Protein backbone atom coordinates (compact mmCIF):
# COMPACT_ATOMS: atom_id res chain seq x y z
CA MET A 1 33.64 52.24 -5.65
CA GLU A 2 31.01 52.94 -3.32
CA GLN A 3 31.93 57.34 -3.69
CA ASP A 4 31.56 56.70 -7.63
CA GLN A 5 28.53 55.21 -7.26
CA MET A 6 26.83 57.68 -5.15
CA LEU A 7 28.35 60.91 -6.78
CA ASN A 8 26.63 59.14 -10.31
CA ASN A 9 23.60 58.46 -8.49
CA GLU A 10 23.71 62.24 -6.99
CA ILE A 11 24.57 63.63 -10.54
CA ARG A 12 21.78 61.12 -11.93
CA GLY A 13 19.33 63.12 -9.40
CA PHE A 14 20.11 66.60 -10.80
CA GLU A 15 19.70 65.79 -14.29
CA ASP A 16 16.50 64.03 -13.74
CA GLU A 17 15.24 67.35 -11.90
CA ARG A 18 16.21 68.79 -14.90
CA ILE A 19 14.68 67.14 -17.15
CA ASN A 20 11.37 66.69 -15.04
CA TYR A 21 11.52 70.73 -15.14
CA GLU A 22 11.99 70.67 -19.13
CA SER A 23 9.53 68.07 -19.81
CA GLY A 24 6.80 69.92 -17.25
CA ARG A 25 7.18 72.78 -19.32
CA ILE A 26 7.16 71.16 -22.56
CA TYR A 27 3.47 69.10 -21.64
CA GLN A 28 2.49 72.32 -20.65
CA TRP A 29 2.82 74.14 -23.54
CA GLY A 30 1.90 70.90 -25.83
CA ILE A 31 -1.71 71.07 -23.97
CA LEU A 32 -1.90 74.47 -24.56
CA TRP A 33 -1.44 74.24 -28.13
CA ALA A 34 -3.71 71.72 -28.52
CA VAL A 35 -6.95 73.04 -26.99
CA LEU A 36 -6.35 76.49 -29.18
CA TYR A 37 -5.43 73.69 -32.62
CA THR A 38 -8.66 72.11 -31.52
CA ALA A 39 -10.57 75.07 -31.04
CA VAL A 40 -9.50 76.13 -34.60
CA PHE A 41 -10.17 72.97 -36.06
CA ALA A 42 -13.95 72.89 -34.40
CA LEU A 43 -14.91 76.32 -35.98
CA SER A 44 -13.47 74.98 -39.37
CA ARG A 45 -15.85 71.95 -39.18
CA LEU A 46 -19.04 74.36 -37.87
CA LEU A 47 -17.98 76.24 -41.24
CA PHE A 48 -17.87 73.52 -43.05
CA LEU A 49 -20.66 71.65 -42.19
CA GLY A 50 -23.39 75.14 -41.68
CA ASN A 51 -26.76 75.05 -41.20
CA ALA A 52 -27.04 71.85 -42.59
CA VAL A 53 -29.86 69.33 -41.01
CA GLY A 54 -28.65 67.07 -38.07
CA VAL A 55 -25.94 69.38 -36.80
CA SER A 56 -25.83 68.63 -33.29
CA LEU A 57 -23.10 68.94 -30.41
CA SER A 58 -22.99 64.86 -31.08
CA LEU A 59 -20.95 65.30 -34.25
CA PHE A 60 -18.51 67.65 -31.85
CA VAL A 61 -17.68 64.87 -29.24
CA SER A 62 -13.96 64.51 -29.62
CA GLU A 63 -13.31 68.36 -30.00
CA ILE A 64 -15.20 68.84 -26.45
CA VAL A 65 -14.28 66.22 -24.47
CA VAL A 66 -10.54 67.78 -25.57
CA ILE A 67 -10.90 71.32 -25.22
CA ALA A 68 -12.91 70.81 -21.79
CA SER A 69 -10.19 68.43 -20.40
CA GLY A 70 -6.64 70.55 -21.76
CA THR A 71 -8.53 74.32 -20.18
CA VAL A 72 -9.58 72.15 -17.23
CA ILE A 73 -5.67 70.94 -16.79
CA LEU A 74 -4.58 74.77 -17.49
CA PHE A 75 -6.43 76.21 -15.11
CA ILE A 76 -5.69 74.04 -12.27
CA GLY A 77 -2.29 74.71 -12.97
CA PHE A 78 -2.57 78.28 -12.78
CA ILE A 79 -4.69 78.62 -10.38
CA ARG A 80 -2.37 76.46 -8.06
CA TRP A 81 1.07 77.58 -9.25
CA GLY A 82 0.16 81.32 -11.05
CA PHE A 83 3.45 82.33 -12.23
CA GLY A 84 5.47 81.92 -8.90
CA ARG A 85 9.09 81.68 -9.34
CA ASP A 86 9.76 79.66 -6.08
CA GLU A 87 12.11 76.70 -6.78
CA ARG A 88 9.71 73.86 -4.71
CA ARG A 89 6.53 75.45 -6.48
CA VAL A 90 8.01 75.54 -9.63
CA ALA A 91 9.03 71.91 -9.20
CA GLU A 92 5.86 70.90 -8.07
CA LYS A 93 4.06 72.43 -11.32
CA HIS A 94 6.23 70.83 -13.75
CA ARG A 95 5.16 67.19 -12.08
CA TYR A 96 2.05 67.92 -12.36
CA TYR A 97 2.04 68.68 -16.02
CA LEU A 98 4.47 65.45 -16.26
CA THR A 99 1.28 63.45 -15.18
CA ALA A 100 -1.45 65.91 -16.82
CA GLY A 101 -0.04 65.09 -20.10
CA LYS A 102 -0.33 61.45 -19.58
CA VAL A 103 -4.30 62.22 -18.08
CA PHE A 104 -4.15 64.35 -21.60
CA LEU A 105 -3.14 62.05 -23.49
CA ILE A 106 -5.90 59.23 -22.36
CA MET A 107 -8.62 62.04 -22.48
CA THR A 108 -8.22 62.92 -26.08
CA VAL A 109 -8.29 59.07 -26.87
CA ALA A 110 -11.84 59.08 -24.74
CA GLY A 111 -13.21 61.65 -26.92
CA TYR A 112 -12.32 59.99 -30.28
CA ALA A 113 -14.16 56.37 -28.74
CA LEU A 114 -16.97 58.04 -27.21
CA SER A 115 -17.25 59.54 -31.01
CA ILE A 116 -18.17 56.11 -32.37
CA PRO A 117 -21.35 55.16 -30.80
CA LEU A 118 -22.49 59.16 -30.51
CA ARG A 119 -21.57 59.99 -34.40
CA SER A 120 -19.92 57.32 -36.32
CA GLN A 121 -22.31 56.93 -39.74
CA SER A 122 -19.68 54.17 -41.29
CA GLY A 123 -19.73 50.83 -41.52
CA LEU A 124 -19.92 48.43 -38.19
CA ASN A 125 -17.07 46.46 -39.22
CA ASP A 126 -15.01 49.47 -40.51
CA TYR A 127 -12.48 51.48 -38.51
CA PRO A 128 -14.03 54.82 -37.91
CA ILE A 129 -11.33 57.85 -39.00
CA ASN A 130 -11.43 60.52 -36.69
CA GLU A 131 -9.84 63.46 -38.56
CA LEU A 132 -9.06 65.52 -35.62
CA LEU A 133 -7.47 62.52 -33.27
CA MET A 134 -5.21 61.88 -36.35
CA GLN A 135 -4.75 65.53 -36.60
CA LEU A 136 -3.14 65.96 -33.25
CA GLU A 137 -1.40 62.71 -33.46
CA VAL A 138 0.74 64.08 -36.43
CA LEU A 139 1.62 68.08 -35.13
CA GLY A 140 1.40 66.16 -31.50
CA CYS A 141 4.82 64.18 -32.73
CA VAL A 142 6.36 66.91 -34.60
CA TYR A 143 5.99 69.48 -31.64
CA PHE A 144 7.98 66.68 -28.78
CA PHE A 145 10.25 64.82 -31.10
CA PHE A 146 11.46 68.65 -31.66
CA ALA A 147 11.36 69.74 -28.02
CA PHE A 148 12.79 66.45 -26.37
CA LYS A 149 15.49 66.51 -28.83
CA ARG A 150 16.46 70.42 -28.77
CA ARG A 151 17.15 69.54 -25.51
CA ARG A 152 18.92 66.38 -25.44
CA ILE A 153 16.48 64.75 -23.26
CA SER A 154 15.45 61.14 -24.19
CA PHE A 155 11.49 59.77 -24.04
CA ASN A 156 12.59 56.96 -21.87
CA TYR A 157 15.23 59.02 -19.60
CA THR A 158 14.14 57.06 -16.56
CA PHE A 159 15.60 53.94 -17.66
CA ILE A 160 17.44 54.55 -21.21
CA HIS A 161 21.09 54.04 -19.03
CA GLU A 162 19.22 50.38 -18.50
CA THR A 163 20.79 47.38 -20.69
CA GLY A 164 19.23 44.73 -22.62
CA TRP A 165 15.68 43.41 -21.47
CA GLY A 166 16.15 45.47 -18.82
CA TYR A 167 15.51 48.33 -21.05
CA TYR A 168 12.85 46.59 -23.71
CA GLY A 169 10.97 45.55 -20.15
CA HIS A 170 10.66 48.64 -19.58
CA VAL A 171 9.01 49.64 -23.21
CA LEU A 172 6.69 46.42 -23.35
CA ARG A 173 5.53 47.39 -19.19
CA ASN A 174 4.56 50.88 -20.48
CA ILE A 175 2.82 49.45 -24.04
CA GLY A 176 0.85 47.50 -21.96
CA ARG A 177 -0.18 49.99 -19.44
CA LEU A 178 -1.32 51.99 -22.36
CA ALA A 179 -3.32 49.27 -23.70
CA LEU A 180 -4.94 48.82 -19.97
CA TYR A 181 -5.60 52.62 -19.81
CA ALA A 182 -6.56 52.94 -23.80
CA LEU A 183 -9.50 49.85 -22.61
CA ILE A 184 -11.52 52.16 -19.74
CA PRO A 185 -12.55 54.68 -22.64
CA PHE A 186 -13.31 52.24 -25.06
CA GLY A 187 -15.49 50.23 -22.56
CA ALA A 188 -16.75 53.42 -21.58
CA ALA A 189 -18.02 53.88 -25.31
CA ALA A 190 -19.44 50.34 -25.78
CA VAL A 191 -21.77 50.91 -22.59
CA VAL A 192 -22.69 54.02 -23.97
CA ASP A 193 -22.97 52.37 -27.56
CA PHE A 194 -25.33 49.76 -26.10
CA LEU A 195 -27.17 52.53 -23.60
CA THR A 196 -27.87 54.58 -26.70
CA HIS A 197 -28.80 52.18 -29.05
CA MET A 198 -29.91 49.20 -26.71
CA SER A 199 -28.03 47.06 -28.93
CA THR A 200 -24.09 46.30 -29.79
CA VAL A 201 -24.11 48.04 -33.27
CA TYR A 202 -21.14 49.70 -32.88
CA PHE A 203 -19.25 47.08 -31.07
CA ASN A 204 -17.20 46.08 -33.75
CA ALA A 205 -16.09 49.54 -34.81
CA ILE A 206 -15.23 50.15 -31.01
CA GLY A 207 -13.17 46.99 -30.66
CA ILE A 208 -11.28 47.52 -34.05
CA ALA A 209 -10.69 51.27 -33.40
CA TYR A 210 -9.36 50.36 -29.88
CA ALA A 211 -7.09 47.70 -31.25
CA LEU A 212 -5.79 49.97 -33.87
CA THR A 213 -5.37 52.91 -31.80
CA VAL A 214 -3.56 50.37 -29.29
CA TYR A 215 -1.02 49.50 -32.10
CA ASP A 216 -0.75 52.66 -33.69
CA LEU A 217 0.56 54.37 -30.13
CA GLY A 218 2.44 51.27 -29.46
CA VAL A 219 4.13 50.57 -32.44
CA GLY A 220 4.96 54.02 -32.80
CA TYR A 221 6.26 54.43 -28.84
CA PHE A 222 8.65 51.06 -29.46
CA LEU A 223 9.80 52.45 -32.34
CA LEU A 224 10.88 55.59 -30.67
CA SER A 225 12.42 53.81 -27.67
CA LEU A 226 14.19 51.21 -29.94
CA LEU A 227 16.05 54.35 -32.49
CA GLU A 228 16.92 56.18 -28.72
CA LYS A 229 18.48 53.51 -27.37
CA LEU A 230 20.70 52.73 -30.49
CA ASN A 231 21.59 56.31 -30.64
CA TYR A 232 22.31 56.43 -26.49
CA ASP A 233 24.51 53.62 -26.75
CA GLU A 234 26.59 54.59 -30.00
CA GLU A 235 29.19 57.28 -28.89
CA ALA A 236 31.28 59.42 -31.10
CA PRO A 237 30.51 57.86 -34.60
CA LYS A 238 32.02 58.94 -37.97
CA ASN A 239 28.66 59.83 -39.44
CA LEU A 240 25.12 58.98 -39.04
CA LYS A 241 24.22 57.18 -35.94
CA ARG A 242 22.11 53.91 -36.34
CA GLY A 243 19.10 55.13 -34.75
CA THR A 244 19.14 58.22 -36.98
CA PHE A 245 20.11 56.66 -40.28
CA ILE A 246 17.24 53.94 -39.85
CA ALA A 247 15.02 57.36 -39.18
CA LEU A 248 16.17 58.58 -42.20
CA ILE A 249 15.03 55.25 -44.15
CA ILE A 250 11.85 55.27 -43.03
CA ALA A 251 11.31 58.98 -43.67
CA ILE A 252 12.66 57.90 -47.26
CA GLY A 253 10.33 54.74 -47.47
CA LYS A 254 7.36 56.73 -46.04
CA GLN A 255 7.92 59.25 -48.40
CA ALA A 256 8.09 56.60 -51.07
CA GLU A 257 4.76 56.02 -49.76
CA VAL A 258 2.92 59.57 -50.40
CA PHE A 259 5.22 59.45 -54.22
CA ILE A 260 2.62 56.08 -55.01
CA CYS A 261 -0.51 57.59 -53.57
CA GLN A 262 0.06 61.17 -55.49
CA ILE A 263 0.78 59.45 -58.80
CA LEU A 264 -2.19 57.03 -58.65
CA ALA A 265 -3.93 60.41 -58.17
CA ALA A 266 -2.90 62.38 -60.79
CA TRP A 267 -3.85 59.43 -62.99
CA VAL A 268 -6.77 59.83 -61.70
CA ALA A 269 -7.65 63.13 -62.41
CA GLN A 270 -5.74 63.21 -65.95
CA TYR A 271 -7.05 59.56 -67.06
CA GLY A 272 -9.52 57.88 -64.63
CA MET A 273 -12.66 59.55 -66.87
CA THR A 274 -12.01 58.01 -70.22
CA GLN A 275 -11.27 54.55 -68.29
CA GLU A 276 -13.77 52.11 -67.95
CA LEU A 277 -14.51 52.13 -64.11
CA PRO A 278 -15.82 49.44 -62.17
CA ALA A 279 -19.47 48.66 -61.92
CA GLY A 280 -21.26 51.27 -59.22
CA VAL A 281 -18.23 53.48 -59.33
CA THR A 282 -18.38 57.08 -60.62
CA PHE A 283 -15.05 59.15 -61.61
CA GLY A 284 -15.96 61.56 -58.50
CA GLU A 285 -15.55 58.76 -56.32
CA LEU A 286 -12.62 57.51 -57.69
CA LEU A 287 -10.77 60.95 -57.73
CA ALA A 288 -12.03 61.73 -53.99
CA GLU A 289 -10.54 58.33 -53.10
CA ALA A 290 -7.27 58.87 -54.55
CA SER A 291 -7.19 62.44 -53.35
CA THR A 292 -8.13 61.31 -49.70
CA ASP A 293 -5.39 58.22 -49.52
CA ALA A 294 -2.48 60.82 -50.97
CA ARG A 295 -3.67 63.37 -48.15
CA GLU A 296 -3.74 60.47 -45.43
CA ALA A 297 -0.21 59.39 -46.59
CA ALA A 298 1.06 62.44 -45.85
CA TYR A 299 0.43 62.52 -42.59
CA PRO A 300 3.08 59.82 -41.24
CA ALA A 301 5.41 60.54 -43.85
CA LEU A 302 5.39 64.27 -42.10
CA VAL A 303 5.93 62.36 -38.68
CA ALA A 304 8.94 60.29 -39.89
CA ALA A 305 10.78 63.21 -41.78
CA ALA A 306 10.23 64.91 -37.93
CA LEU A 307 11.69 62.15 -36.75
CA ALA A 308 14.73 61.87 -38.79
CA LEU A 309 15.37 65.58 -38.53
CA CYS A 310 15.23 65.85 -34.92
CA PHE A 311 17.60 62.74 -34.30
CA LEU A 312 19.70 64.48 -36.51
CA MET A 313 19.64 67.68 -34.43
CA GLU A 314 20.33 65.88 -31.59
CA GLN A 315 23.48 64.44 -33.10
CA VAL A 316 24.49 67.60 -34.33
CA SER A 317 23.42 69.74 -31.28
CA HIS A 318 26.35 72.07 -30.74
CA SER A 319 24.98 73.79 -34.79
CA LYS A 320 22.47 76.42 -34.38
CA ARG A 321 22.17 76.57 -38.10
CA VAL A 322 20.98 72.99 -37.82
CA ARG A 323 18.80 73.73 -35.02
CA ARG A 324 16.72 76.71 -36.80
CA GLY A 325 16.97 75.08 -40.03
CA VAL A 326 14.81 71.85 -39.03
CA CYS A 327 13.07 74.17 -36.73
CA GLY A 328 11.52 76.85 -39.80
CA TYR A 329 11.05 73.69 -41.86
CA LEU A 330 8.88 71.65 -39.37
CA VAL A 331 6.77 74.96 -38.46
CA VAL A 332 6.05 75.54 -42.14
CA GLN A 333 4.96 72.15 -43.10
CA SER A 334 2.59 71.94 -39.61
CA VAL A 335 1.20 75.50 -40.37
CA ASN A 336 0.31 73.64 -43.81
CA LEU A 337 -1.20 70.81 -42.45
CA VAL A 338 -3.28 73.06 -40.88
CA MET A 339 -4.08 74.82 -43.92
CA THR A 340 -5.01 71.81 -45.70
CA VAL A 341 -8.06 71.51 -42.74
CA LEU A 342 -9.00 74.92 -42.78
CA ARG A 343 -8.96 75.13 -46.75
CA SER A 344 -12.13 73.28 -47.69
CA ALA A 345 -13.87 74.51 -44.63
CA VAL A 346 -13.07 77.94 -46.22
CA ILE A 347 -14.22 77.07 -49.89
CA VAL A 348 -17.26 75.48 -49.16
CA ALA A 349 -18.15 78.56 -46.77
CA LEU A 350 -17.53 81.03 -48.93
CA GLU A 351 -19.63 79.07 -51.74
CA ARG A 352 -22.37 79.03 -49.13
CA TYR A 353 -22.35 82.73 -47.62
CA ALA A 354 -20.72 84.67 -50.66
CA ASP A 355 -22.98 86.53 -53.21
CA ASP A 356 -19.82 86.64 -55.25
CA TYR A 357 -18.07 83.45 -56.76
CA GLU A 358 -15.09 86.14 -57.65
CA MET A 359 -13.86 85.24 -54.13
CA VAL A 360 -13.92 81.58 -54.71
CA ARG A 361 -11.61 82.01 -57.48
CA ARG A 362 -9.08 84.32 -55.65
CA PHE A 363 -9.14 82.12 -53.08
CA THR A 364 -8.19 78.73 -54.97
CA GLU A 365 -5.49 80.77 -56.58
CA PHE A 366 -4.23 81.76 -53.18
CA ASN A 367 -3.90 78.35 -52.63
CA THR A 368 -1.88 77.64 -56.02
CA TYR A 369 0.77 80.72 -54.64
CA TRP A 370 0.39 79.21 -50.95
CA SER A 371 1.43 75.94 -52.21
CA PHE A 372 4.66 77.01 -53.82
CA ALA A 373 5.49 79.07 -51.24
CA VAL A 374 5.67 76.20 -48.65
CA TRP A 375 7.55 74.83 -50.85
CA LEU A 376 10.05 78.02 -51.60
CA ILE A 377 10.20 78.91 -47.47
CA SER A 378 10.57 74.89 -46.95
CA LEU A 379 13.53 75.15 -49.42
CA ALA A 380 15.16 77.88 -47.71
CA PHE A 381 14.98 76.77 -44.21
CA THR A 382 16.52 72.81 -45.67
CA CYS A 383 19.23 74.97 -47.58
CA LEU A 384 20.12 76.51 -43.88
CA TRP A 385 20.20 73.41 -41.28
CA ILE A 386 22.39 71.72 -45.10
CA SER A 387 24.76 74.83 -44.40
CA GLY A 388 24.86 73.72 -41.11
CA LEU A 389 25.87 70.38 -41.69
CA ILE A 390 28.38 71.22 -43.88
CA ARG A 391 30.00 74.43 -42.12
CA ASP A 392 29.82 73.59 -38.30
CA CYS A 393 29.76 69.53 -38.81
CA GLY A 394 31.72 69.03 -41.71
CA ALA A 395 29.74 67.85 -44.12
CA SER A 396 30.51 67.31 -47.64
CA LYS A 397 29.60 70.11 -50.05
CA LEU A 398 27.67 67.38 -52.20
CA LEU A 399 24.78 67.86 -50.22
CA TRP A 400 24.27 71.13 -52.35
CA LEU A 401 23.80 68.90 -55.13
CA THR A 402 20.67 66.95 -53.81
CA VAL A 403 19.30 71.00 -53.49
CA GLY A 404 20.26 71.65 -56.76
CA LEU A 405 18.40 68.37 -57.54
CA ALA A 406 15.13 69.65 -55.89
CA VAL A 407 15.12 73.01 -58.01
CA VAL A 408 15.50 71.56 -61.35
CA CYS A 409 12.79 69.20 -60.74
CA GLN A 410 10.43 71.66 -59.15
CA ALA A 411 11.07 74.02 -62.44
CA VAL A 412 10.41 71.34 -65.06
CA GLY A 413 7.47 70.21 -62.61
CA ILE A 414 5.96 73.75 -62.82
CA PHE A 415 6.64 73.76 -66.76
CA PHE A 416 4.40 70.39 -66.81
CA GLY A 417 2.15 71.85 -64.83
CA SER A 418 1.35 75.14 -66.56
CA GLN A 419 0.63 72.89 -69.47
CA SER A 420 -1.89 70.84 -67.62
CA MET A 421 0.39 67.63 -67.21
CA ASN A 422 -0.37 66.61 -63.86
CA LEU A 423 1.18 62.91 -63.95
CA ALA A 424 4.12 64.49 -65.44
CA TYR A 425 4.06 66.76 -62.89
CA THR A 426 3.53 64.90 -59.88
CA LEU A 427 6.54 61.97 -61.19
CA THR A 428 9.09 64.74 -61.68
CA VAL A 429 8.39 66.67 -58.28
CA GLY A 430 7.73 63.46 -56.32
CA GLY A 431 10.49 61.89 -58.00
CA GLY A 432 13.18 64.44 -57.66
CA THR A 433 12.37 64.43 -53.98
CA LEU A 434 12.57 61.06 -53.05
CA LEU A 435 15.90 61.12 -54.92
CA ALA A 436 17.28 64.37 -53.26
CA MET A 437 16.65 62.43 -49.74
CA ALA A 438 18.39 59.30 -51.00
CA GLY A 439 21.01 61.47 -51.67
CA ARG A 440 21.64 63.02 -48.44
CA LEU A 441 21.59 59.77 -46.66
CA VAL A 442 24.12 58.50 -48.91
CA ILE A 443 26.29 61.21 -48.55
CA LEU A 444 26.03 61.63 -44.70
CA LYS A 445 26.47 57.74 -43.95
CA THR A 446 29.67 57.54 -46.36
CA GLY A 447 30.77 60.65 -45.23
CA ASN A 448 32.20 62.80 -41.81
CA LEU A 449 29.73 64.13 -39.68
CA ARG A 450 31.55 66.24 -36.48
CA THR A 451 29.93 66.43 -33.30
CA VAL A 452 30.97 67.82 -29.89
CA ASP A 453 31.76 64.16 -28.80
CA SER A 454 33.35 63.08 -31.55
CA ASP A 455 35.93 66.83 -31.81
CA ASN A 456 36.28 65.29 -27.53
CA GLU A 457 37.95 62.31 -28.44
């Protein structure tokens, strides 16, 4: 019995070393991509603001903190370890990036916290929105979900084997540490607020931002931990594991929120001008608010879709088609999210600096073609991972019907769009997407799904 325990501990030690190595590489590349994207984001904001009066470095405090902290972390890592191949030095480097990843997260939150007293223009009791933090959170979740699940690594790999309170106690303690560490930058922001304004003018905003940041990250981490534990404890299921099934339901629910917001935005665009508006509210303001709500609802929807697809990919990790299809789909959706950030900045820059209005018109047309291209490429990658489920995992061929439904709804939606029937277009395309997602969930849950584990059984 003792020998078995020692053997298990030795195997777990080797596995932990492998996971530390892989996780360190993931964090290293994640920091690099975050720095590069933040630089692009800062440039787009600079183009958008142009030579507007009042533009100063204080408006870019979040971007400066993220770029500076990430660059310092990467520079230290390169100077100390470079491209060395020595096993001991490589292990040290990746242990460094495991710690540096956590530091970088806190520094990103610090950039957000410090931006509140330095650039906030919202009401004192409002939750100050930071577009950069939202973008980094979404892109970071997509990247880390795929990177970890592709390698079949649990986010809680050091204690995933524990049961009951032992596991969830660890999770809650980690959330408590997050709340404690986040208190440092937000406390510093409160001090900066007092020294800058000699008052507590933004204390309410800082407090709300702190509470919602901890809530957002804490709930997300707890949900991820719960789903991981459900999948870890369930061996060789006939179809979807419980965690994957719940993740797919969450993805459908978030897509339904996007659908509702898109319907409201389309209704306002088509009929809002003819309706009686509330006192003090213009049609433009109402349309802008509806459009913003629809765009912001798409952020958690992409995170939920990435979570569900990556859990599914992990369950059928032997299928290269599924892995490549999921990877391609998430890359396309992430690039499209980046384009939404750049689009408004480019249009404003063209209007400000281009002499010919024709360039603005052509760029607007390009956006239309781009949206269709994103849908078409996403459909191709969806077909790839569905093909993997059918050919490599024995899933039902009825999954192709969900693809056909999405194609038909898109074709009908294009017809409605050509007739300037925006509301009908949104109902058709959005409804088709929801029905296709629900259909895939039902087919996968009621059918068989062959995995490596189930084959061994």
